[in-house]
Amino acid sequence: MSDMPRRKSQRSAKNQDLRFNVETDRENDGRWIAEIADIPGVLAYGRTENQAKANAYAIALRVIADRVEKSKIVPESISLICASA
């Protein structure tokens, strides 16, 4: 580890807070479905409500990672806040 001070990036990077709500519902066949409406296409099934939520969170994180990777401005940090609706 160096004792030199860290240099700030030339890019203007900001902190980014991402908040999304997870809505769950039980299907007639007993499966659970979880949806994050704030991110189009994030919809997942699971045998339990928690499994459906975990699957939806995983998809959401993949979408966010893809957006960051393709972004021209890279945030300094990202905070994720998830809540059940």
PDB file of N, CA and C in Angstrom:
ATOM      1  N   MET A   1       0.843  -1.183   0.000  1.00  0.00           N
ATOM      2  CA  MET A   1       0.000   0.000   0.000  1.00  0.00           C
ATOM      3  C   MET A   1       0.881   1.236   0.000  1.00  0.00           C
ATOM      4  N   SER A   2       0.557   2.168  -0.819  1.00  0.00           N
ATOM      5  CA  SER A   2       1.359   3.378  -0.951  1.00  0.00           C
ATOM      6  C   SER A   2       0.901   4.441   0.033  1.00  0.00           C
ATOM      7  N   ASP A   3       1.853   5.285   0.449  1.00  0.00           N
ATOM      8  CA  ASP A   3       1.514   6.404   1.328  1.00  0.00           C
ATOM      9  C   ASP A   3       1.115   7.640   0.534  1.00  0.00           C
ATOM     10  N   MET A   4       1.136   7.529  -0.784  1.00  0.00           N
ATOM     11  CA  MET A   4       0.792   8.673  -1.626  1.00  0.00           C
ATOM     12  C   MET A   4      -0.707   8.916  -1.570  1.00  0.00           C
ATOM     13  N   PRO A   5      -1.107  10.186  -1.590  1.00  0.00           N
ATOM     14  CA  PRO A   5      -2.547  10.478  -1.583  1.00  0.00           C
ATOM     15  C   PRO A   5      -3.190  10.009  -2.885  1.00  0.00           C
ATOM     16  N   ARG A   6      -4.442   9.593  -2.782  1.00  0.00           N
ATOM     17  CA  ARG A   6      -5.168   9.148  -3.967  1.00  0.00           C
ATOM     18  C   ARG A   6      -5.583  10.349  -4.789  1.00  0.00           C
ATOM     19  N   ARG A   7      -5.450  10.224  -6.090  1.00  0.00           N
ATOM     20  CA  ARG A   7      -5.844  11.306  -6.986  1.00  0.00           C
ATOM     21  C   ARG A   7      -7.317  11.140  -7.341  1.00  0.00           C
ATOM     22  N   LYS A   8      -7.975  12.247  -7.463  1.00  0.00           N
ATOM     23  CA  LYS A   8      -9.369  12.211  -7.883  1.00  0.00           C
ATOM     24  C   LYS A   8      -9.437  11.962  -9.378  1.00  0.00           C
ATOM     25  N   SER A   9     -10.463  11.264  -9.779  1.00  0.00           N
ATOM     26  CA  SER A   9     -10.671  10.959 -11.183  1.00  0.00           C
ATOM     27  C   SER A   9     -10.958  12.230 -11.963  1.00  0.00           C
ATOM     28  N   GLN A  10     -10.552  12.237 -13.210  1.00  0.00           N
ATOM     29  CA  GLN A  10     -10.828  13.375 -14.077  1.00  0.00           C
ATOM     30  C   GLN A  10     -12.315  13.452 -14.424  1.00  0.00           C
ATOM     31  N   ARG A  11     -12.982  12.311 -14.419  1.00  0.00           N
ATOM     32  CA  ARG A  11     -14.415  12.287 -14.700  1.00  0.00           C
ATOM     33  C   ARG A  11     -15.199  12.787 -13.499  1.00  0.00           C
ATOM     34  N   SER A  12     -16.343  13.366 -13.763  1.00  0.00           N
ATOM     35  CA  SER A  12     -17.190  13.780 -12.646  1.00  0.00           C
ATOM     36  C   SER A  12     -18.047  12.586 -12.249  1.00  0.00           C
ATOM     37  N   ALA A  13     -17.643  11.930 -11.207  1.00  0.00           N
ATOM     38  CA  ALA A  13     -18.373  10.755 -10.726  1.00  0.00           C
ATOM     39  C   ALA A  13     -19.169  11.135  -9.494  1.00  0.00           C
ATOM     40  N   LYS A  14     -20.388  10.651  -9.437  1.00  0.00           N
ATOM     41  CA  LYS A  14     -21.253  10.938  -8.305  1.00  0.00           C
ATOM     42  C   LYS A  14     -21.655   9.639  -7.632  1.00  0.00           C
ATOM     43  N   ASN A  15     -22.147   9.778  -6.420  1.00  0.00           N
ATOM     44  CA  ASN A  15     -22.754   8.632  -5.753  1.00  0.00           C
ATOM     45  C   ASN A  15     -24.133   8.427  -6.353  1.00  0.00           C
ATOM     46  N   GLN A  16     -24.530   7.203  -6.460  1.00  0.00           N
ATOM     47  CA  GLN A  16     -25.825   6.902  -7.052  1.00  0.00           C
ATOM     48  C   GLN A  16     -26.604   6.006  -6.106  1.00  0.00           C
ATOM     49  N   ASP A  17     -27.770   6.478  -5.679  1.00  0.00           N
ATOM     50  CA  ASP A  17     -28.662   5.681  -4.844  1.00  0.00           C
ATOM     51  C   ASP A  17     -29.750   5.091  -5.725  1.00  0.00           C
ATOM     52  N   LEU A  18     -29.881   3.796  -5.676  1.00  0.00           N
ATOM     53  CA  LEU A  18     -30.919   3.105  -6.432  1.00  0.00           C
ATOM     54  C   LEU A  18     -31.904   2.519  -5.445  1.00  0.00           C
ATOM     55  N   ARG A  19     -33.153   2.889  -5.594  1.00  0.00           N
ATOM     56  CA  ARG A  19     -34.200   2.392  -4.711  1.00  0.00           C
ATOM     57  C   ARG A  19     -35.252   1.711  -5.569  1.00  0.00           C
ATOM     58  N   PHE A  20     -35.612   0.520  -5.173  1.00  0.00           N
ATOM     59  CA  PHE A  20     -36.709  -0.130  -5.861  1.00  0.00           C
ATOM     60  C   PHE A  20     -37.506  -0.991  -4.911  1.00  0.00           C
ATOM     61  N   ASN A  21     -38.792  -1.072  -5.228  1.00  0.00           N
ATOM     62  CA  ASN A  21     -39.727  -1.857  -4.429  1.00  0.00           C
ATOM     63  C   ASN A  21     -39.992  -3.182  -5.128  1.00  0.00           C
ATOM     64  N   VAL A  22     -40.083  -4.214  -4.341  1.00  0.00           N
ATOM     65  CA  VAL A  22     -40.391  -5.534  -4.853  1.00  0.00           C
ATOM     66  C   VAL A  22     -41.828  -5.860  -4.477  1.00  0.00           C
ATOM     67  N   GLU A  23     -42.625  -6.195  -5.473  1.00  0.00           N
ATOM     68  CA  GLU A  23     -44.002  -6.601  -5.238  1.00  0.00           C
ATOM     69  C   GLU A  23     -44.087  -8.109  -5.443  1.00  0.00           C
ATOM     70  N   THR A  24     -44.736  -8.801  -4.526  1.00  0.00           N
ATOM     71  CA  THR A  24     -44.869 -10.245  -4.645  1.00  0.00           C
ATOM     72  C   THR A  24     -46.343 -10.636  -4.650  1.00  0.00           C
ATOM     73  N   ASP A  25     -46.580 -11.776  -5.264  1.00  0.00           N
ATOM     74  CA  ASP A  25     -47.939 -12.308  -5.322  1.00  0.00           C
ATOM     75  C   ASP A  25     -47.828 -13.822  -5.476  1.00  0.00           C
ATOM     76  N   ARG A  26     -48.829 -14.518  -5.010  1.00  0.00           N
ATOM     77  CA  ARG A  26     -48.832 -15.978  -5.125  1.00  0.00           C
ATOM     78  C   ARG A  26     -49.743 -16.385  -6.282  1.00  0.00           C
ATOM     79  N   GLU A  27     -49.214 -17.207  -7.164  1.00  0.00           N
ATOM     80  CA  GLU A  27     -49.960 -17.695  -8.311  1.00  0.00           C
ATOM     81  C   GLU A  27     -50.920 -18.811  -7.889  1.00  0.00           C
ATOM     82  N   ASN A  28     -51.881 -19.138  -8.733  1.00  0.00           N
ATOM     83  CA  ASN A  28     -52.848 -20.201  -8.435  1.00  0.00           C
ATOM     84  C   ASN A  28     -52.188 -21.558  -8.250  1.00  0.00           C
ATOM     85  N   ASP A  29     -51.051 -21.775  -8.926  1.00  0.00           N
ATOM     86  CA  ASP A  29     -50.360 -23.062  -8.822  1.00  0.00           C
ATOM     87  C   ASP A  29     -49.426 -23.147  -7.610  1.00  0.00           C
ATOM     88  N   GLY A  30     -49.404 -22.090  -6.780  1.00  0.00           N
ATOM     89  CA  GLY A  30     -48.601 -22.099  -5.556  1.00  0.00           C
ATOM     90  C   GLY A  30     -47.254 -21.416  -5.673  1.00  0.00           C
ATOM     91  N   ARG A  31     -46.804 -21.154  -6.895  1.00  0.00           N
ATOM     92  CA  ARG A  31     -45.521 -20.454  -7.060  1.00  0.00           C
ATOM     93  C   ARG A  31     -45.676 -18.994  -6.661  1.00  0.00           C
ATOM     94  N   TRP A  32     -44.556 -18.407  -6.260  1.00  0.00           N
ATOM     95  CA  TRP A  32     -44.525 -16.983  -5.951  1.00  0.00           C
ATOM     96  C   TRP A  32     -43.903 -16.245  -7.123  1.00  0.00           C
ATOM     97  N   ILE A  33     -44.384 -15.035  -7.361  1.00  0.00           N
ATOM     98  CA  ILE A  33     -43.821 -14.177  -8.394  1.00  0.00           C
ATOM     99  C   ILE A  33     -43.414 -12.867  -7.738  1.00  0.00           C
ATOM    100  N   ALA A  34     -42.251 -12.366  -8.108  1.00  0.00           N
ATOM    101  CA  ALA A  34     -41.755 -11.087  -7.585  1.00  0.00           C
ATOM    102  C   ALA A  34     -41.433 -10.190  -8.772  1.00  0.00           C
ATOM    103  N   GLU A  35     -41.809  -8.926  -8.650  1.00  0.00           N
ATOM    104  CA  GLU A  35     -41.580  -7.973  -9.733  1.00  0.00           C
ATOM    105  C   GLU A  35     -41.010  -6.680  -9.166  1.00  0.00           C
ATOM    106  N   ILE A  36     -40.045  -6.131  -9.878  1.00  0.00           N
ATOM    107  CA  ILE A  36     -39.528  -4.801  -9.578  1.00  0.00           C
ATOM    108  C   ILE A  36     -39.962  -3.922 -10.740  1.00  0.00           C
ATOM    109  N   ALA A  37     -41.076  -3.229 -10.566  1.00  0.00           N
ATOM    110  CA  ALA A  37     -41.697  -2.454 -11.645  1.00  0.00           C
ATOM    111  C   ALA A  37     -40.824  -1.291 -12.104  1.00  0.00           C
ATOM    112  N   ASP A  38     -39.932  -0.801 -11.231  1.00  0.00           N
ATOM    113  CA  ASP A  38     -39.068   0.328 -11.586  1.00  0.00           C
ATOM    114  C   ASP A  38     -38.030  -0.037 -12.642  1.00  0.00           C
ATOM    115  N   ILE A  39     -37.791  -1.336 -12.826  1.00  0.00           N
ATOM    116  CA  ILE A  39     -36.832  -1.798 -13.823  1.00  0.00           C
ATOM    117  C   ILE A  39     -37.592  -2.730 -14.766  1.00  0.00           C
ATOM    118  N   PRO A  40     -37.936  -2.248 -15.956  1.00  0.00           N
ATOM    119  CA  PRO A  40     -38.734  -3.055 -16.879  1.00  0.00           C
ATOM    120  C   PRO A  40     -38.123  -4.436 -17.133  1.00  0.00           C
ATOM    121  N   GLY A  41     -38.970  -5.444 -17.079  1.00  0.00           N
ATOM    122  CA  GLY A  41     -38.529  -6.799 -17.358  1.00  0.00           C
ATOM    123  C   GLY A  41     -38.038  -7.588 -16.164  1.00  0.00           C
ATOM    124  N   VAL A  42     -37.968  -6.955 -14.999  1.00  0.00           N
ATOM    125  CA  VAL A  42     -37.485  -7.675 -13.811  1.00  0.00           C
ATOM    126  C   VAL A  42     -38.674  -8.339 -13.136  1.00  0.00           C
ATOM    127  N   LEU A  43     -38.788  -9.631 -13.421  1.00  0.00           N
ATOM    128  CA  LEU A  43     -39.887 -10.445 -12.947  1.00  0.00           C
ATOM    129  C   LEU A  43     -39.329 -11.849 -12.742  1.00  0.00           C
ATOM    130  N   ALA A  44     -39.593 -12.447 -11.593  1.00  0.00           N
ATOM    131  CA  ALA A  44     -39.018 -13.759 -11.307  1.00  0.00           C
ATOM    132  C   ALA A  44     -39.967 -14.595 -10.469  1.00  0.00           C
ATOM    133  N   TYR A  45     -39.872 -15.899 -10.665  1.00  0.00           N
ATOM    134  CA  TYR A  45     -40.655 -16.866  -9.905  1.00  0.00           C
ATOM    135  C   TYR A  45     -39.779 -17.569  -8.869  1.00  0.00           C
ATOM    136  N   GLY A  46     -40.437 -18.141  -7.866  1.00  0.00           N
ATOM    137  CA  GLY A  46     -39.755 -18.960  -6.879  1.00  0.00           C
ATOM    138  C   GLY A  46     -40.749 -19.864  -6.172  1.00  0.00           C
ATOM    139  N   ARG A  47     -40.232 -20.919  -5.549  1.00  0.00           N
ATOM    140  CA  ARG A  47     -41.114 -21.821  -4.787  1.00  0.00           C
ATOM    141  C   ARG A  47     -41.634 -21.139  -3.535  1.00  0.00           C
ATOM    142  N   THR A  48     -40.819 -20.216  -2.989  1.00  0.00           N
ATOM    143  CA  THR A  48     -41.216 -19.449  -1.805  1.00  0.00           C
ATOM    144  C   THR A  48     -41.160 -17.959  -2.148  1.00  0.00           C
ATOM    145  N   GLU A  49     -41.769 -17.159  -1.298  1.00  0.00           N
ATOM    146  CA  GLU A  49     -41.739 -15.711  -1.516  1.00  0.00           C
ATOM    147  C   GLU A  49     -40.300 -15.192  -1.476  1.00  0.00           C
ATOM    148  N   ASN A  50     -39.516 -15.668  -0.508  1.00  0.00           N
ATOM    149  CA  ASN A  50     -38.127 -15.217  -0.400  1.00  0.00           C
ATOM    150  C   ASN A  50     -37.304 -15.615  -1.614  1.00  0.00           C
ATOM    151  N   GLN A  51     -37.521 -16.812  -2.127  1.00  0.00           N
ATOM    152  CA  GLN A  51     -36.786 -17.257  -3.310  1.00  0.00           C
ATOM    153  C   GLN A  51     -37.151 -16.388  -4.523  1.00  0.00           C
ATOM    154  N   ALA A  52     -38.417 -16.058  -4.675  1.00  0.00           N
ATOM    155  CA  ALA A  52     -38.849 -15.196  -5.778  1.00  0.00           C
ATOM    156  C   ALA A  52     -38.198 -13.815  -5.658  1.00  0.00           C
ATOM    157  N   LYS A  53     -38.166 -13.264  -4.433  1.00  0.00           N
ATOM    158  CA  LYS A  53     -37.526 -11.962  -4.217  1.00  0.00           C
ATOM    159  C   LYS A  53     -36.045 -12.031  -4.544  1.00  0.00           C
ATOM    160  N   ALA A  54     -35.372 -13.074  -4.080  1.00  0.00           N
ATOM    161  CA  ALA A  54     -33.939 -13.215  -4.339  1.00  0.00           C
ATOM    162  C   ALA A  54     -33.672 -13.297  -5.837  1.00  0.00           C
ATOM    163  N   ASN A  55     -34.499 -14.039  -6.554  1.00  0.00           N
ATOM    164  CA  ASN A  55     -34.340 -14.152  -8.002  1.00  0.00           C
ATOM    165  C   ASN A  55     -34.552 -12.805  -8.692  1.00  0.00           C
ATOM    166  N   ALA A  56     -35.540 -12.046  -8.234  1.00  0.00           N
ATOM    167  CA  ALA A  56     -35.800 -10.719  -8.805  1.00  0.00           C
ATOM    168  C   ALA A  56     -34.641  -9.769  -8.512  1.00  0.00           C
ATOM    169  N   TYR A  57     -34.122  -9.796  -7.280  1.00  0.00           N
ATOM    170  CA  TYR A  57     -32.964  -8.949  -6.944  1.00  0.00           C
ATOM    171  C   TYR A  57     -31.772  -9.288  -7.829  1.00  0.00           C
ATOM    172  N   ALA A  58     -31.537 -10.573  -8.070  1.00  0.00           N
ATOM    173  CA  ALA A  58     -30.402 -10.996  -8.899  1.00  0.00           C
ATOM    174  C   ALA A  58     -30.545 -10.460 -10.322  1.00  0.00           C
ATOM    175  N   ILE A  59     -31.757 -10.530 -10.870  1.00  0.00           N
ATOM    176  CA  ILE A  59     -31.985  -9.998 -12.216  1.00  0.00           C
ATOM    177  C   ILE A  59     -31.774  -8.492 -12.227  1.00  0.00           C
ATOM    178  N   ALA A  60     -32.296  -7.800 -11.219  1.00  0.00           N
ATOM    179  CA  ALA A  60     -32.138  -6.345 -11.140  1.00  0.00           C
ATOM    180  C   ALA A  60     -30.671  -5.955 -11.083  1.00  0.00           C
ATOM    181  N   LEU A  61     -29.886  -6.674 -10.300  1.00  0.00           N
ATOM    182  CA  LEU A  61     -28.461  -6.368 -10.200  1.00  0.00           C
ATOM    183  C   LEU A  61     -27.744  -6.594 -11.529  1.00  0.00           C
ATOM    184  N   ARG A  62     -28.149  -7.615 -12.272  1.00  0.00           N
ATOM    185  CA  ARG A  62     -27.557  -7.840 -13.596  1.00  0.00           C
ATOM    186  C   ARG A  62     -27.882  -6.691 -14.543  1.00  0.00           C
ATOM    187  N   VAL A  63     -29.128  -6.208 -14.491  1.00  0.00           N
ATOM    188  CA  VAL A  63     -29.529  -5.077 -15.336  1.00  0.00           C
ATOM    189  C   VAL A  63     -28.734  -3.837 -14.958  1.00  0.00           C
ATOM    190  N   ILE A  64     -28.609  -3.570 -13.658  1.00  0.00           N
ATOM    191  CA  ILE A  64     -27.853  -2.402 -13.193  1.00  0.00           C
ATOM    192  C   ILE A  64     -26.387  -2.518 -13.599  1.00  0.00           C
ATOM    193  N   ALA A  65     -25.799  -3.702 -13.443  1.00  0.00           N
ATOM    194  CA  ALA A  65     -24.399  -3.905 -13.831  1.00  0.00           C
ATOM    195  C   ALA A  65     -24.215  -3.644 -15.321  1.00  0.00           C
ATOM    196  N   ASP A  66     -25.149  -4.097 -16.130  1.00  0.00           N
ATOM    197  CA  ASP A  66     -25.065  -3.868 -17.571  1.00  0.00           C
ATOM    198  C   ASP A  66     -25.139  -2.381 -17.883  1.00  0.00           C
ATOM    199  N   ARG A  67     -26.020  -1.665 -17.195  1.00  0.00           N
ATOM    200  CA  ARG A  67     -26.147  -0.214 -17.409  1.00  0.00           C
ATOM    201  C   ARG A  67     -24.862   0.512 -17.019  1.00  0.00           C
ATOM    202  N   VAL A  68     -24.260   0.125 -15.900  1.00  0.00           N
ATOM    203  CA  VAL A  68     -23.016   0.765 -15.451  1.00  0.00           C
ATOM    204  C   VAL A  68     -21.900   0.480 -16.453  1.00  0.00           C
ATOM    205  N   GLU A  69     -21.824  -0.766 -16.902  1.00  0.00           N
ATOM    206  CA  GLU A  69     -20.778  -1.154 -17.840  1.00  0.00           C
ATOM    207  C   GLU A  69     -20.864  -0.360 -19.142  1.00  0.00           C
ATOM    208  N   LYS A  70     -22.076  -0.057 -19.587  1.00  0.00           N
ATOM    209  CA  LYS A  70     -22.271   0.662 -20.846  1.00  0.00           C
ATOM    210  C   LYS A  70     -22.294   2.176 -20.672  1.00  0.00           C
ATOM    211  N   SER A  71     -22.271   2.654 -19.439  1.00  0.00           N
ATOM    212  CA  SER A  71     -22.364   4.081 -19.147  1.00  0.00           C
ATOM    213  C   SER A  71     -21.054   4.800 -19.456  1.00  0.00           C
ATOM    214  N   LYS A  72     -21.173   6.044 -19.861  1.00  0.00           N
ATOM    215  CA  LYS A  72     -19.988   6.866 -20.090  1.00  0.00           C
ATOM    216  C   LYS A  72     -19.523   7.528 -18.792  1.00  0.00           C
ATOM    217  N   ILE A  73     -20.429   7.675 -17.834  1.00  0.00           N
ATOM    218  CA  ILE A  73     -20.093   8.256 -16.543  1.00  0.00           C
ATOM    219  C   ILE A  73     -20.219   7.161 -15.494  1.00  0.00           C
ATOM    220  N   VAL A  74     -19.113   6.833 -14.877  1.00  0.00           N
ATOM    221  CA  VAL A  74     -19.091   5.762 -13.895  1.00  0.00           C
ATOM    222  C   VAL A  74     -19.289   6.358 -12.509  1.00  0.00           C
ATOM    223  N   PRO A  75     -20.306   5.916 -11.772  1.00  0.00           N
ATOM    224  CA  PRO A  75     -20.510   6.450 -10.424  1.00  0.00           C
ATOM    225  C   PRO A  75     -19.390   6.021  -9.498  1.00  0.00           C
ATOM    226  N   GLU A  76     -19.086   6.881  -8.537  1.00  0.00           N
ATOM    227  CA  GLU A  76     -18.058   6.578  -7.544  1.00  0.00           C
ATOM    228  C   GLU A  76     -18.507   5.429  -6.652  1.00  0.00           C
ATOM    229  N   SER A  77     -19.793   5.415  -6.342  1.00  0.00           N
ATOM    230  CA  SER A  77     -20.354   4.327  -5.549  1.00  0.00           C
ATOM    231  C   SER A  77     -21.836   4.201  -5.877  1.00  0.00           C
ATOM    232  N   ILE A  78     -22.358   3.032  -5.591  1.00  0.00           N
ATOM    233  CA  ILE A  78     -23.774   2.747  -5.805  1.00  0.00           C
ATOM    234  C   ILE A  78     -24.341   2.172  -4.529  1.00  0.00           C
ATOM    235  N   SER A  79     -25.457   2.707  -4.064  1.00  0.00           N
ATOM    236  CA  SER A  79     -26.159   2.175  -2.912  1.00  0.00           C
ATOM    237  C   SER A  79     -27.481   1.603  -3.380  1.00  0.00           C
ATOM    238  N   LEU A  80     -27.772   0.388  -2.962  1.00  0.00           N
ATOM    239  CA  LEU A  80     -29.028  -0.250  -3.314  1.00  0.00           C
ATOM    240  C   LEU A  80     -29.911  -0.330  -2.095  1.00  0.00           C
ATOM    241  N   ILE A  81     -31.139   0.091  -2.236  1.00  0.00           N
ATOM    242  CA  ILE A  81     -32.100   0.018  -1.153  1.00  0.00           C
ATOM    243  C   ILE A  81     -33.324  -0.718  -1.691  1.00  0.00           C
ATOM    244  N   CYS A  82     -33.619  -1.853  -1.128  1.00  0.00           N
ATOM    245  CA  CYS A  82     -34.727  -2.677  -1.580  1.00  0.00           C
ATOM    246  C   CYS A  82     -35.784  -2.730  -0.489  1.00  0.00           C
ATOM    247  N   ALA A  83     -37.031  -2.665  -0.905  1.00  0.00           N
ATOM    248  CA  ALA A  83     -38.126  -2.742   0.056  1.00  0.00           C
ATOM    249  C   ALA A  83     -39.258  -3.536  -0.554  1.00  0.00           C
ATOM    250  N   SER A  84     -39.955  -4.265   0.262  1.00  0.00           N
ATOM    251  CA  SER A  84     -41.129  -4.993  -0.213  1.00  0.00           C
ATOM    252  C   SER A  84     -42.329  -4.084  -0.147  1.00  0.00           C
ATOM    253  N   ALA A  85     -43.109  -4.156  -1.186  1.00  0.00           N
ATOM    254  CA  ALA A  85     -44.308  -3.307  -1.233  1.00  0.00           C
ATOM    255  C   ALA A  85     -45.471  -4.016  -0.588  1.00  0.00           C
TER     256      ALA A  85
END
